[in-house]
């Protein structure tokens, strides 16, 4: 059998691929063996006696299928786990995610004027102190705190109004007492002027 090493090497050079990708037509061995230059090889390529093999298919169908199953929670049982729970999902990562969620919610409420800066600071520090485990608990606490503050403000307003009312009543009472005292003194002076002076004999 004729050796076609030279033709295979030249074909790989012309087609810009590896020698393992070159296919030489076994029915045209004599014709191919006569080609000893790149120009001849190009003519063989144009005639179809020499071709470049297509790339081998490296299918990702199985990978996609497995990834989809993992998204559903399959293949993640005790037998598939190599690292510890903290190595697979560190506590620090879960803590940072929770803090970012809660702080973003607080900032949104403050910007929307739903909470003032004093309540924001108090809740911020409570979040840092691990008081709230999720957004729902924080939201319930905010509603409760706002209703409590509104109730205290209403009670304070009522107390202030009652205090002012009592102060006004005391003032009116004092004015009436003063008027009575002033009226009584004037009557006494009038009686004293009407009595005749005592005569001495």
Protein backbone atom coordinates (compact mmCIF):
# COMPACT_ATOMS: atom_id res chain seq x y z
CA UNK A 1 0.00 0.00 0.00
CA UNK A 2 1.23 3.46 -0.89
CA UNK A 3 2.26 5.66 2.03
CA UNK A 4 0.33 8.94 2.13
CA UNK A 5 2.09 10.53 5.12
CA UNK A 6 3.37 13.44 3.04
CA UNK A 7 -0.06 14.11 1.51
CA UNK A 8 -1.73 13.95 4.91
CA UNK A 9 0.77 16.42 6.37
CA UNK A 10 0.41 18.85 3.47
CA UNK A 11 -3.39 18.57 3.59
CA UNK A 12 -3.39 19.36 7.32
CA UNK A 13 -1.24 22.40 6.60
CA UNK A 14 -3.51 23.58 3.76
CA UNK A 15 -6.76 23.01 5.62
CA UNK A 16 -5.33 24.43 8.89
CA UNK A 17 -6.27 21.46 11.01
CA UNK A 18 -4.64 18.43 12.61
CA UNK A 19 -3.64 15.31 10.67
CA UNK A 20 -6.29 13.32 12.54
CA UNK A 21 -8.94 15.55 10.95
CA UNK A 22 -7.83 14.81 7.36
CA UNK A 23 -9.79 12.25 5.29
CA UNK A 24 -8.23 10.87 2.14
CA UNK A 25 -10.52 9.09 -0.32
CA UNK A 26 -9.43 5.39 -0.31
CA UNK A 27 -10.77 4.96 -3.86
CA UNK A 28 -8.44 7.65 -5.20
CA UNK A 29 -5.19 6.56 -3.56
CA UNK A 30 -3.22 6.63 -6.80
CA UNK A 31 -4.40 10.13 -7.67
CA UNK A 32 -3.63 11.38 -4.15
CA UNK A 33 -0.21 9.75 -4.04
CA UNK A 34 0.82 11.75 -7.11
CA UNK A 35 0.22 15.06 -5.28
CA UNK A 36 3.47 16.25 -3.75
CA UNK A 37 2.84 20.01 -3.40
CA UNK A 38 0.37 22.25 -1.66
CA UNK A 39 -1.00 23.43 -4.99
CA UNK A 40 -1.83 19.84 -5.98
CA UNK A 41 -3.40 19.28 -2.56
CA UNK A 42 -5.63 22.35 -3.05
CA UNK A 43 -6.83 20.88 -6.35
CA UNK A 44 -7.61 17.58 -4.63
CA UNK A 45 -9.55 19.47 -1.96
CA UNK A 46 -11.56 21.30 -4.60
CA UNK A 47 -12.26 17.99 -6.36
CA UNK A 48 -13.45 16.46 -3.10
CA UNK A 49 -10.83 13.71 -2.92
CA UNK A 50 -9.48 15.17 0.32
CA UNK A 51 -11.76 16.67 2.96
CA UNK A 52 -11.60 17.91 6.51
CA UNK A 53 -13.55 15.74 8.93
CA UNK A 54 -16.33 17.51 10.88
CA UNK A 55 -15.81 18.29 14.55
CA UNK A 56 -16.79 15.50 16.90
CA UNK A 57 -20.07 16.29 18.66
CA UNK A 58 -19.65 16.89 22.38
CA UNK A 59 -23.25 16.87 23.44
CA UNK A 60 -24.37 18.78 26.56
CA UNK A 61 -27.83 17.20 26.54
CA UNK A 62 -27.03 14.96 29.51
CA UNK A 63 -25.49 17.88 31.39
CA UNK A 64 -28.57 20.03 30.86
CA UNK A 65 -30.84 17.20 31.90
CA UNK A 66 -28.84 16.65 35.10
CA UNK A 67 -28.72 20.38 35.87
CA UNK A 68 -32.48 20.65 35.48
CA UNK A 69 -32.96 17.74 37.87
CA UNK A 70 -30.61 19.38 40.39
CA UNK A 71 -32.63 22.60 40.19
CA UNK A 72 -35.62 20.54 41.25
CA UNK A 73 -33.65 19.27 44.24
CA UNK A 74 -32.61 15.84 42.93
CA UNK A 75 -29.15 14.33 43.41
CA UNK A 76 -28.48 16.32 46.59
CA UNK A 77 -29.04 13.72 49.30
CA UNK A 78 -26.57 12.69 52.02
CA UNK A 79 -24.69 10.46 49.60
CA UNK A 80 -23.89 13.36 47.26
CA UNK A 81 -22.61 15.75 49.95
CA UNK A 82 -18.86 16.04 50.49
CA UNK A 83 -18.46 19.22 52.54
CA UNK A 84 -20.00 20.19 55.88
CA UNK A 85 -23.20 22.21 56.01
CA UNK A 86 -21.25 25.37 56.78
CA UNK A 87 -18.89 24.69 53.88
CA UNK A 88 -21.76 24.18 51.42
CA UNK A 89 -23.62 27.32 52.50
CA UNK A 90 -21.69 29.35 55.11
CA UNK A 91 -23.53 30.98 57.99
CA UNK A 92 -21.85 34.25 57.10
CA UNK A 93 -23.39 34.20 53.62
CA UNK A 94 -26.90 33.59 54.98
CA UNK A 95 -26.35 36.34 57.59
CA UNK A 96 -25.20 38.84 54.94
CA UNK A 97 -28.16 38.04 52.72
CA UNK A 98 -30.60 38.49 55.61
CA UNK A 99 -28.99 41.76 56.74
CA UNK A 100 -29.04 43.16 53.20
CA UNK A 101 -32.72 42.30 52.78
CA UNK A 102 -33.73 43.85 56.12
CA UNK A 103 -31.58 46.97 55.68
CA UNK A 104 -32.89 47.51 52.15
CA UNK A 105 -36.43 47.31 53.49
CA UNK A 106 -35.65 49.80 56.28
CA UNK A 107 -34.09 52.22 53.80
CA UNK A 108 -37.13 51.93 51.51
CA UNK A 109 -39.51 52.62 54.42
CA UNK A 110 -37.44 55.62 55.54
CA UNK A 111 -37.31 57.10 52.04
CA UNK A 112 -41.08 56.64 51.73
CA UNK A 113 -41.55 58.50 55.05
CA UNK A 114 -43.21 55.43 56.58
CA UNK A 115 -40.78 55.57 59.49
CA UNK A 116 -38.78 58.49 60.87
CA UNK A 117 -35.02 58.50 61.31
CA UNK A 118 -35.23 57.72 65.02
CA UNK A 119 -37.28 54.56 64.50
CA UNK A 120 -35.02 53.69 61.56
CA UNK A 121 -31.94 53.83 63.77
CA UNK A 122 -33.61 51.76 66.49
CA UNK A 123 -34.75 49.08 64.02
CA UNK A 124 -31.35 49.10 62.29
CA UNK A 125 -29.61 48.25 65.53
CA UNK A 126 -32.23 45.63 66.37
CA UNK A 127 -31.62 43.99 62.98
CA UNK A 128 -27.93 43.93 63.75
CA UNK A 129 -28.77 42.34 67.10
CA UNK A 130 -30.52 39.40 65.36
CA UNK A 131 -34.02 40.37 66.56
CA UNK A 132 -35.80 39.90 63.23
CA UNK A 133 -35.41 36.67 61.27
CA UNK A 134 -37.15 37.86 58.09
CA UNK A 135 -39.01 40.75 56.44
CA UNK A 136 -42.42 39.64 57.69
CA UNK A 137 -41.38 39.79 61.35
CA UNK A 138 -39.78 43.20 60.82
CA UNK A 139 -42.89 44.52 59.04
CA UNK A 140 -45.15 43.32 61.86
CA UNK A 141 -42.89 45.00 64.41
CA UNK A 142 -42.97 48.27 62.44
CA UNK A 143 -46.79 48.25 62.29
CA UNK A 144 -46.99 47.48 65.99
CA UNK A 145 -44.48 50.21 66.87
CA UNK A 146 -46.29 52.78 64.73
CA UNK A 147 -49.70 51.96 66.25
CA UNK A 148 -48.18 52.11 69.74
CA UNK A 149 -46.60 55.49 68.98
CA UNK A 150 -49.90 56.79 67.59
CA UNK A 151 -51.73 55.60 70.71
CA UNK A 152 -49.19 57.24 73.00
CA UNK A 153 -49.41 60.48 71.01
CA UNK A 154 -53.22 60.45 71.24
CA UNK A 155 -53.04 59.87 75.00
CA UNK A 156 -50.46 62.65 75.36
CA UNK A 157 -52.69 65.01 73.36
CA UNK A 158 -55.68 64.11 75.53
CA UNK A 159 -53.66 64.66 78.68
CA UNK A 160 -52.41 68.02 77.40
CA UNK A 161 -55.93 69.11 76.44
CA UNK A 162 -57.25 68.06 79.87
CA UNK A 163 -54.41 69.90 81.57
CA UNK A 164 -55.12 73.08 79.63
CA UNK A 165 -58.84 72.76 80.35
CA UNK A 166 -58.20 72.34 84.07
CA UNK A 167 -55.77 75.25 84.09
CA UNK A 168 -58.36 77.47 82.36
CA UNK A 169 -61.04 76.36 84.85
CA UNK A 170 -58.75 77.14 87.78
CA UNK A 171 -58.00 80.54 86.33
CA UNK A 172 -61.72 81.32 85.87
CA UNK A 173 -62.43 80.16 89.41
CA UNK A 174 -59.65 82.36 90.77
CA UNK A 175 -60.97 85.34 88.79
CA UNK A 176 -64.50 84.82 90.14
CA UNK A 177 -63.17 84.54 93.70
CA UNK A 178 -61.22 87.72 93.18
CA UNK A 179 -64.30 89.49 91.90
CA UNK A 180 -66.30 88.33 94.89
CA UNK A 181 -63.62 89.51 97.26
CA UNK A 182 -63.49 92.88 95.48
CA UNK A 183 -67.29 93.26 95.57
CA UNK A 184 -67.48 92.42 99.31
CA UNK A 185 -64.85 95.03 100.21
CA UNK A 186 -66.67 97.72 98.21
CA UNK A 187 -69.96 96.97 100.03
CA UNK A 188 -68.24 97.22 103.41
CA UNK A 189 -66.81 100.62 102.51
CA UNK A 190 -70.27 101.84 101.41
CA UNK A 191 -71.86 100.77 104.72
CA UNK A 192 -69.14 102.53 106.66
CA UNK A 193 -69.81 105.80 104.83
CA UNK A 194 -73.58 105.61 105.39
CA UNK A 195 -73.37 105.17 109.23
CA UNK A 196 -73.60 108.52 111.21
CA UNK A 197 -70.56 109.56 113.07
CA UNK A 198 -70.89 108.95 116.89
CA UNK A 199 -71.62 112.13 118.90
CA UNK A 200 -69.77 112.93 122.09
CA UNK A 201 -71.56 114.93 124.84
